[in-house]
Amino acid sequence: MPVHRLSDLLIFPPPERAEPSGLLAFGGDLSPERLLLAYGRGIFPWPIGDLPLPWFSPDPRWVIVPSELHVPRRLERSLRRPRYEIRLDTAFGEVIRRCADAPRPGQDGTWITGAMIAAYERLHALGFAHSAEAWREGELVGGLYGVSLGSAFFGESMFTRAPDASKTALVTLIRKVDEWGFTIFDCQTHTPHVEALGARPWPRRLFLDALARAMSEPTRRGAWRLAAGGPLRG
């Protein structure tokens, strides 16, 4: 099936037309309007070298249901030790840049380009993109960022510079969005880490149906905080 070439119009082909790799389309831009349209339809950008901007909709889609989060016993023991201060949305720009700089086994360079950083910082300023951060003695040592729409959170990338720092931030975030009634925590693709936390492969049709229901819920827009009393230690 030929890959679609996007025009200036805010239109995506149906995700079901994606190639087996998940590749759906090339081109377009990273405007907030296009990004929000894409996420709401189960599509996300994933730059590859000098190619025109690629857009993906994988099948299967790896998803954590927040209410079904599984925390391995070793990580649960680590979480009980108050090593890190976990915050939300206090250093989004720093988190995404640390993710861009993080080494990726088997990858040469990063897909988090300067254009991607600028685009997601715009989404953050608009209240749709969020970061979860692990701090130790005033230093940012781990975290992740992603996009929120309806009752779905779309995880994008994470980094760590201390043992279990990013995992602590991730588990804290999933537990918080579960408290807020979120139904989907999208991990996009498989990693052993997200599988250990309960992520499961959903056929695209199952994911898109669940996403449509999630999109009918209001978006929790604006700066996120863990609690009115301040950051959580974990």
C-alpha atoms as a PDB file:
ATOM      1  CA  MET A   1       0.000   0.000   0.000  1.00  0.00           C
ATOM      2  CA  PRO A   2       1.543   3.380  -0.994  1.00  0.00           C
ATOM      3  CA  VAL A   3       2.545   5.740   1.821  1.00  0.00           C
ATOM      4  CA  HIS A   4       0.501   8.952   1.812  1.00  0.00           C
ATOM      5  CA  ARG A   5       2.219  12.296   1.187  1.00  0.00           C
ATOM      6  CA  LEU A   6       0.689  15.047   3.326  1.00  0.00           C
ATOM      7  CA  SER A   7      -0.192  18.457   1.967  1.00  0.00           C
ATOM      8  CA  ASP A   8      -0.748  21.731   3.816  1.00  0.00           C
ATOM      9  CA  LEU A   9      -4.290  20.594   4.610  1.00  0.00           C
ATOM     10  CA  LEU A  10      -4.885  19.267   8.136  1.00  0.00           C
ATOM     11  CA  ILE A  11      -5.817  15.799   6.935  1.00  0.00           C
ATOM     12  CA  PHE A  12      -4.396  12.354   7.705  1.00  0.00           C
ATOM     13  CA  PRO A  13      -5.232   9.112   5.933  1.00  0.00           C
ATOM     14  CA  PRO A  14      -6.967   6.459   8.059  1.00  0.00           C
ATOM     15  CA  PRO A  15      -4.449   4.757  10.397  1.00  0.00           C
ATOM     16  CA  GLU A  16      -5.532   1.395   8.983  1.00  0.00           C
ATOM     17  CA  ARG A  17      -3.665   2.286   5.783  1.00  0.00           C
ATOM     18  CA  ALA A  18      -0.293   2.183   7.536  1.00  0.00           C
ATOM     19  CA  GLU A  19       2.402  -0.181   6.326  1.00  0.00           C
ATOM     20  CA  PRO A  20       3.275  -3.227   8.482  1.00  0.00           C
ATOM     21  CA  SER A  21       6.069  -1.105  10.011  1.00  0.00           C
ATOM     22  CA  GLY A  22       3.437   1.389  11.167  1.00  0.00           C
ATOM     23  CA  LEU A  23       4.527   4.040   8.663  1.00  0.00           C
ATOM     24  CA  LEU A  24       1.454   5.932   7.465  1.00  0.00           C
ATOM     25  CA  ALA A  25       2.532   9.185   5.844  1.00  0.00           C
ATOM     26  CA  PHE A  26       5.339  11.620   5.075  1.00  0.00           C
ATOM     27  CA  GLY A  27       5.415  15.388   5.188  1.00  0.00           C
ATOM     28  CA  GLY A  28       3.259  18.021   6.802  1.00  0.00           C
ATOM     29  CA  ASP A  29       4.469  20.100   9.717  1.00  0.00           C
ATOM     30  CA  LEU A  30       4.700  20.070  13.501  1.00  0.00           C
ATOM     31  CA  SER A  31       2.111  22.756  14.184  1.00  0.00           C
ATOM     32  CA  PRO A  32       0.061  22.293  17.363  1.00  0.00           C
ATOM     33  CA  GLU A  33      -3.076  21.798  15.270  1.00  0.00           C
ATOM     34  CA  ARG A  34      -1.541  18.959  13.243  1.00  0.00           C
ATOM     35  CA  LEU A  35       0.039  17.296  16.269  1.00  0.00           C
ATOM     36  CA  LEU A  36      -3.193  17.324  18.254  1.00  0.00           C
ATOM     37  CA  LEU A  37      -5.138  15.998  15.279  1.00  0.00           C
ATOM     38  CA  ALA A  38      -2.588  13.208  14.851  1.00  0.00           C
ATOM     39  CA  TYR A  39      -2.542  12.111  18.493  1.00  0.00           C
ATOM     40  CA  GLY A  40      -6.317  12.126  18.658  1.00  0.00           C
ATOM     41  CA  ARG A  41      -6.356   9.679  15.744  1.00  0.00           C
ATOM     42  CA  GLY A  42      -3.656   7.351  17.024  1.00  0.00           C
ATOM     43  CA  ILE A  43      -0.831   8.798  14.908  1.00  0.00           C
ATOM     44  CA  PHE A  44       2.492  10.312  15.974  1.00  0.00           C
ATOM     45  CA  PRO A  45       5.589  11.796  14.265  1.00  0.00           C
ATOM     46  CA  TRP A  46       8.916   9.977  14.351  1.00  0.00           C
ATOM     47  CA  PRO A  47      11.666  11.786  12.401  1.00  0.00           C
ATOM     48  CA  ILE A  48      14.164   9.617  10.519  1.00  0.00           C
ATOM     49  CA  GLY A  49      17.307  11.286   9.225  1.00  0.00           C
ATOM     50  CA  ASP A  50      16.762  13.642   6.312  1.00  0.00           C
ATOM     51  CA  LEU A  51      13.495  12.046   5.189  1.00  0.00           C
ATOM     52  CA  PRO A  52      10.353  14.181   4.990  1.00  0.00           C
ATOM     53  CA  LEU A  53       8.622  14.007   8.369  1.00  0.00           C
ATOM     54  CA  PRO A  54       7.300  10.429   8.876  1.00  0.00           C
ATOM     55  CA  TRP A  55       4.053   9.701  10.748  1.00  0.00           C
ATOM     56  CA  PHE A  56       3.338   6.323  12.344  1.00  0.00           C
ATOM     57  CA  SER A  57       0.437   4.278  13.671  1.00  0.00           C
ATOM     58  CA  PRO A  58       1.888   0.932  14.852  1.00  0.00           C
ATOM     59  CA  ASP A  59      -0.024  -2.328  14.982  1.00  0.00           C
ATOM     60  CA  PRO A  60       0.046  -3.604  17.654  1.00  0.00           C
ATOM     61  CA  ARG A  61       0.158  -0.616  20.011  1.00  0.00           C
ATOM     62  CA  TRP A  62       1.726  -1.128  23.442  1.00  0.00           C
ATOM     63  CA  VAL A  63      -0.569   0.288  26.121  1.00  0.00           C
ATOM     64  CA  ILE A  64      -0.708   0.418  29.910  1.00  0.00           C
ATOM     65  CA  VAL A  65      -4.185   0.659  31.412  1.00  0.00           C
ATOM     66  CA  PRO A  66      -3.403   2.953  34.376  1.00  0.00           C
ATOM     67  CA  SER A  67      -5.704   1.056  36.756  1.00  0.00           C
ATOM     68  CA  GLU A  68      -3.819  -2.155  35.871  1.00  0.00           C
ATOM     69  CA  LEU A  69      -0.300  -0.841  36.432  1.00  0.00           C
ATOM     70  CA  HIS A  70       2.055  -3.596  37.605  1.00  0.00           C
ATOM     71  CA  VAL A  71       5.093  -2.555  39.635  1.00  0.00           C
ATOM     72  CA  PRO A  72       7.745  -5.283  39.970  1.00  0.00           C
ATOM     73  CA  ARG A  73       8.697  -6.058  43.548  1.00  0.00           C
ATOM     74  CA  ARG A  74      12.267  -4.800  43.218  1.00  0.00           C
ATOM     75  CA  LEU A  75      11.047  -1.465  41.852  1.00  0.00           C
ATOM     76  CA  GLU A  76       8.340  -1.261  44.525  1.00  0.00           C
ATOM     77  CA  ARG A  77      11.014  -1.656  47.201  1.00  0.00           C
ATOM     78  CA  SER A  78      13.012   1.091  45.513  1.00  0.00           C
ATOM     79  CA  LEU A  79       9.966   3.375  45.461  1.00  0.00           C
ATOM     80  CA  ARG A  80       9.562   2.998  49.218  1.00  0.00           C
ATOM     81  CA  ARG A  81      12.969   4.611  49.724  1.00  0.00           C
ATOM     82  CA  PRO A  82      12.544   8.402  49.460  1.00  0.00           C
ATOM     83  CA  ARG A  83      15.496   8.998  47.144  1.00  0.00           C
ATOM     84  CA  TYR A  84      13.869  11.385  44.664  1.00  0.00           C
ATOM     85  CA  GLU A  85      11.526  14.317  44.691  1.00  0.00           C
ATOM     86  CA  ILE A  86       8.973  13.846  41.905  1.00  0.00           C
ATOM     87  CA  ARG A  87       7.495  16.928  40.249  1.00  0.00           C
ATOM     88  CA  LEU A  88       5.251  17.563  37.270  1.00  0.00           C
ATOM     89  CA  ASP A  89       5.676  20.329  34.689  1.00  0.00           C
ATOM     90  CA  THR A  90       8.426  22.282  36.415  1.00  0.00           C
ATOM     91  CA  ALA A  91      11.200  21.666  33.847  1.00  0.00           C
ATOM     92  CA  PHE A  92       9.576  20.516  30.609  1.00  0.00           C
ATOM     93  CA  GLY A  93      12.199  22.049  28.320  1.00  0.00           C
ATOM     94  CA  GLU A  94      15.038  20.544  30.305  1.00  0.00           C
ATOM     95  CA  VAL A  95      13.401  17.103  30.297  1.00  0.00           C
ATOM     96  CA  ILE A  96      12.880  16.982  26.540  1.00  0.00           C
ATOM     97  CA  ARG A  97      16.459  18.134  25.924  1.00  0.00           C
ATOM     98  CA  ARG A  98      17.816  15.487  28.304  1.00  0.00           C
ATOM     99  CA  CYS A  99      15.741  12.891  26.437  1.00  0.00           C
ATOM    100  CA  ALA A 100      17.221  14.112  23.155  1.00  0.00           C
ATOM    101  CA  ASP A 101      20.758  13.742  24.545  1.00  0.00           C
ATOM    102  CA  ALA A 102      20.184  10.314  26.126  1.00  0.00           C
ATOM    103  CA  PRO A 103      22.110   7.479  24.425  1.00  0.00           C
ATOM    104  CA  ARG A 104      19.871   4.881  22.745  1.00  0.00           C
ATOM    105  CA  PRO A 105      21.270   1.371  22.225  1.00  0.00           C
ATOM    106  CA  GLY A 106      21.345   0.555  18.530  1.00  0.00           C
ATOM    107  CA  GLN A 107      20.560   4.119  17.457  1.00  0.00           C
ATOM    108  CA  ASP A 108      22.896   6.644  15.870  1.00  0.00           C
ATOM    109  CA  GLY A 109      21.700  10.060  16.949  1.00  0.00           C
ATOM    110  CA  THR A 110      18.250  11.079  18.126  1.00  0.00           C
ATOM    111  CA  TRP A 111      14.806  11.477  16.593  1.00  0.00           C
ATOM    112  CA  ILE A 112      14.127  14.362  19.006  1.00  0.00           C
ATOM    113  CA  THR A 113      15.283  17.090  16.653  1.00  0.00           C
ATOM    114  CA  GLY A 114      15.382  20.805  17.319  1.00  0.00           C
ATOM    115  CA  ALA A 115      12.100  21.143  15.429  1.00  0.00           C
ATOM    116  CA  MET A 116      10.528  18.433  17.616  1.00  0.00           C
ATOM    117  CA  ILE A 117      11.727  20.169  20.784  1.00  0.00           C
ATOM    118  CA  ALA A 118      10.243  23.485  19.662  1.00  0.00           C
ATOM    119  CA  ALA A 119       6.963  21.830  18.666  1.00  0.00           C
ATOM    120  CA  TYR A 120       6.453  20.036  21.978  1.00  0.00           C
ATOM    121  CA  GLU A 121       7.448  23.105  23.941  1.00  0.00           C
ATOM    122  CA  ARG A 122       4.618  24.881  22.099  1.00  0.00           C
ATOM    123  CA  LEU A 123       2.241  22.077  23.103  1.00  0.00           C
ATOM    124  CA  HIS A 124       3.459  22.401  26.680  1.00  0.00           C
ATOM    125  CA  ALA A 125       2.820  26.152  26.645  1.00  0.00           C
ATOM    126  CA  LEU A 126      -0.700  25.410  25.396  1.00  0.00           C
ATOM    127  CA  GLY A 127      -1.256  22.938  28.254  1.00  0.00           C
ATOM    128  CA  PHE A 128      -1.262  19.690  26.237  1.00  0.00           C
ATOM    129  CA  ALA A 129       2.275  18.363  26.826  1.00  0.00           C
ATOM    130  CA  HIS A 130       3.612  17.451  30.246  1.00  0.00           C
ATOM    131  CA  SER A 131       6.722  16.262  32.028  1.00  0.00           C
ATOM    132  CA  ALA A 132       7.286  14.098  35.090  1.00  0.00           C
ATOM    133  CA  GLU A 133      10.627  14.751  36.758  1.00  0.00           C
ATOM    134  CA  ALA A 134      12.853  13.070  39.352  1.00  0.00           C
ATOM    135  CA  TRP A 135      14.997  15.483  41.341  1.00  0.00           C
ATOM    136  CA  ARG A 136      17.804  14.743  43.795  1.00  0.00           C
ATOM    137  CA  GLU A 137      19.395  17.506  45.825  1.00  0.00           C
ATOM    138  CA  GLY A 138      18.159  20.097  43.360  1.00  0.00           C
ATOM    139  CA  GLU A 139      19.424  18.229  40.283  1.00  0.00           C
ATOM    140  CA  LEU A 140      17.192  16.762  37.586  1.00  0.00           C
ATOM    141  CA  VAL A 141      18.261  13.104  37.340  1.00  0.00           C
ATOM    142  CA  GLY A 142      15.409  11.471  35.422  1.00  0.00           C
ATOM    143  CA  GLY A 143      12.098  12.084  33.760  1.00  0.00           C
ATOM    144  CA  LEU A 144       9.783  11.700  30.825  1.00  0.00           C
ATOM    145  CA  TYR A 145       7.430  13.762  28.701  1.00  0.00           C
ATOM    146  CA  GLY A 146       4.331  13.181  26.635  1.00  0.00           C
ATOM    147  CA  VAL A 147       1.022  14.529  25.380  1.00  0.00           C
ATOM    148  CA  SER A 148      -2.389  14.445  27.071  1.00  0.00           C
ATOM    149  CA  LEU A 149      -5.755  14.457  25.289  1.00  0.00           C
ATOM    150  CA  GLY A 150      -9.069  13.410  26.789  1.00  0.00           C
ATOM    151  CA  SER A 151      -8.420  10.517  29.169  1.00  0.00           C
ATOM    152  CA  ALA A 152      -5.305   9.360  27.259  1.00  0.00           C
ATOM    153  CA  PHE A 153      -1.643  10.093  27.894  1.00  0.00           C
ATOM    154  CA  PHE A 154       0.819   9.467  25.066  1.00  0.00           C
ATOM    155  CA  GLY A 155       4.302   8.822  26.413  1.00  0.00           C
ATOM    156  CA  GLU A 156       7.075  10.079  24.155  1.00  0.00           C
ATOM    157  CA  SER A 157      10.508   9.594  25.705  1.00  0.00           C
ATOM    158  CA  MET A 158      12.371   9.302  29.000  1.00  0.00           C
ATOM    159  CA  PHE A 159      15.898   9.620  30.356  1.00  0.00           C
ATOM    160  CA  THR A 160      17.699   8.669  33.534  1.00  0.00           C
ATOM    161  CA  ARG A 161      20.948   9.675  35.209  1.00  0.00           C
ATOM    162  CA  ALA A 162      20.455   7.859  38.510  1.00  0.00           C
ATOM    163  CA  PRO A 163      19.203   4.373  39.456  1.00  0.00           C
ATOM    164  CA  ASP A 164      15.421   4.021  39.016  1.00  0.00           C
ATOM    165  CA  ALA A 165      14.982   7.798  38.624  1.00  0.00           C
ATOM    166  CA  SER A 166      12.961   7.714  35.396  1.00  0.00           C
ATOM    167  CA  LYS A 167      11.081   4.605  36.534  1.00  0.00           C
ATOM    168  CA  THR A 168      10.069   6.387  39.731  1.00  0.00           C
ATOM    169  CA  ALA A 169       8.817   9.372  37.733  1.00  0.00           C
ATOM    170  CA  LEU A 170       6.945   7.097  35.320  1.00  0.00           C
ATOM    171  CA  VAL A 171       5.202   5.023  37.991  1.00  0.00           C
ATOM    172  CA  THR A 172       4.268   8.179  39.905  1.00  0.00           C
ATOM    173  CA  LEU A 173       2.783   9.709  36.754  1.00  0.00           C
ATOM    174  CA  ILE A 174       0.788   6.596  35.853  1.00  0.00           C
ATOM    175  CA  ARG A 175      -0.627   6.394  39.368  1.00  0.00           C
ATOM    176  CA  LYS A 176      -1.582  10.063  39.194  1.00  0.00           C
ATOM    177  CA  VAL A 177      -3.354   9.852  35.841  1.00  0.00           C
ATOM    178  CA  ASP A 178      -5.179   6.769  37.125  1.00  0.00           C
ATOM    179  CA  GLU A 179      -6.377   8.880  40.046  1.00  0.00           C
ATOM    180  CA  TRP A 180      -7.598  11.432  37.491  1.00  0.00           C
ATOM    181  CA  GLY A 181      -9.565   8.793  35.597  1.00  0.00           C
ATOM    182  CA  PHE A 182      -7.302   8.260  32.596  1.00  0.00           C
ATOM    183  CA  THR A 183      -8.001   5.070  30.674  1.00  0.00           C
ATOM    184  CA  ILE A 184      -4.974   4.875  28.334  1.00  0.00           C
ATOM    185  CA  PHE A 185      -1.246   5.312  28.889  1.00  0.00           C
ATOM    186  CA  ASP A 186       0.168   4.877  25.388  1.00  0.00           C
ATOM    187  CA  CYS A 187       3.723   3.513  25.236  1.00  0.00           C
ATOM    188  CA  GLN A 188       3.632   3.381  21.410  1.00  0.00           C
ATOM    189  CA  THR A 189       6.079   0.499  20.941  1.00  0.00           C
ATOM    190  CA  HIS A 190       7.500  -2.355  22.982  1.00  0.00           C
ATOM    191  CA  THR A 191      10.350  -2.159  25.473  1.00  0.00           C
ATOM    192  CA  PRO A 192      11.066  -4.701  28.221  1.00  0.00           C
ATOM    193  CA  HIS A 193      10.588  -1.915  30.783  1.00  0.00           C
ATOM    194  CA  VAL A 194       7.043  -0.987  29.788  1.00  0.00           C
ATOM    195  CA  GLU A 195       6.103  -4.649  29.459  1.00  0.00           C
ATOM    196  CA  ALA A 196       7.311  -5.210  33.034  1.00  0.00           C
ATOM    197  CA  LEU A 197       4.942  -2.425  34.123  1.00  0.00           C
ATOM    198  CA  GLY A 198       1.957  -4.139  32.541  1.00  0.00           C
ATOM    199  CA  ALA A 199       1.985  -2.774  28.989  1.00  0.00           C
ATOM    200  CA  ARG A 200       0.239  -5.105  26.557  1.00  0.00           C
ATOM    201  CA  PRO A 201       0.079  -5.226  22.755  1.00  0.00           C
ATOM    202  CA  TRP A 202      -3.290  -3.982  21.559  1.00  0.00           C
ATOM    203  CA  PRO A 203      -4.373  -4.568  17.965  1.00  0.00           C
ATOM    204  CA  ARG A 204      -4.755  -1.230  16.222  1.00  0.00           C
ATOM    205  CA  ARG A 205      -8.543  -1.575  16.013  1.00  0.00           C
ATOM    206  CA  LEU A 206      -8.805  -2.130  19.780  1.00  0.00           C
ATOM    207  CA  PHE A 207      -6.541   0.844  20.425  1.00  0.00           C
ATOM    208  CA  LEU A 208      -8.426   3.164  18.079  1.00  0.00           C
ATOM    209  CA  ASP A 209     -11.796   2.202  19.579  1.00  0.00           C
ATOM    210  CA  ALA A 210     -10.501   2.818  23.122  1.00  0.00           C
ATOM    211  CA  LEU A 211      -8.902   6.078  21.982  1.00  0.00           C
ATOM    212  CA  ALA A 212     -12.185   7.303  20.511  1.00  0.00           C
ATOM    213  CA  ARG A 213     -13.831   6.749  23.902  1.00  0.00           C
ATOM    214  CA  ALA A 214     -10.943   8.480  25.675  1.00  0.00           C
ATOM    215  CA  MET A 215     -11.222  11.462  23.343  1.00  0.00           C
ATOM    216  CA  SER A 216     -14.842  11.974  24.370  1.00  0.00           C
ATOM    217  CA  GLU A 217     -13.605  12.929  27.858  1.00  0.00           C
ATOM    218  CA  PRO A 218     -12.445  16.453  28.739  1.00  0.00           C
ATOM    219  CA  THR A 219      -8.722  17.187  28.449  1.00  0.00           C
ATOM    220  CA  ARG A 220      -6.920  18.019  31.681  1.00  0.00           C
ATOM    221  CA  ARG A 221      -5.264  21.061  30.158  1.00  0.00           C
ATOM    222  CA  GLY A 222      -2.736  23.365  31.819  1.00  0.00           C
ATOM    223  CA  ALA A 223       0.117  22.840  34.256  1.00  0.00           C
ATOM    224  CA  TRP A 224      -0.083  19.591  36.209  1.00  0.00           C
ATOM    225  CA  ARG A 225       0.798  19.136  39.856  1.00  0.00           C
ATOM    226  CA  LEU A 226       0.860  16.018  41.993  1.00  0.00           C
ATOM    227  CA  ALA A 227      -0.894  17.549  44.978  1.00  0.00           C
ATOM    228  CA  ALA A 228      -1.927  20.908  46.321  1.00  0.00           C
ATOM    229  CA  GLY A 229       0.592  20.444  49.130  1.00  0.00           C
ATOM    230  CA  GLY A 230       3.576  20.215  46.772  1.00  0.00           C
ATOM    231  CA  PRO A 231       5.790  17.569  45.203  1.00  0.00           C
ATOM    232  CA  LEU A 232       5.754  13.908  46.136  1.00  0.00           C
ATOM    233  CA  ARG A 233       8.814  12.109  47.387  1.00  0.00           C
ATOM    234  CA  GLY A 234       9.425   8.632  46.024  1.00  0.00           C
END
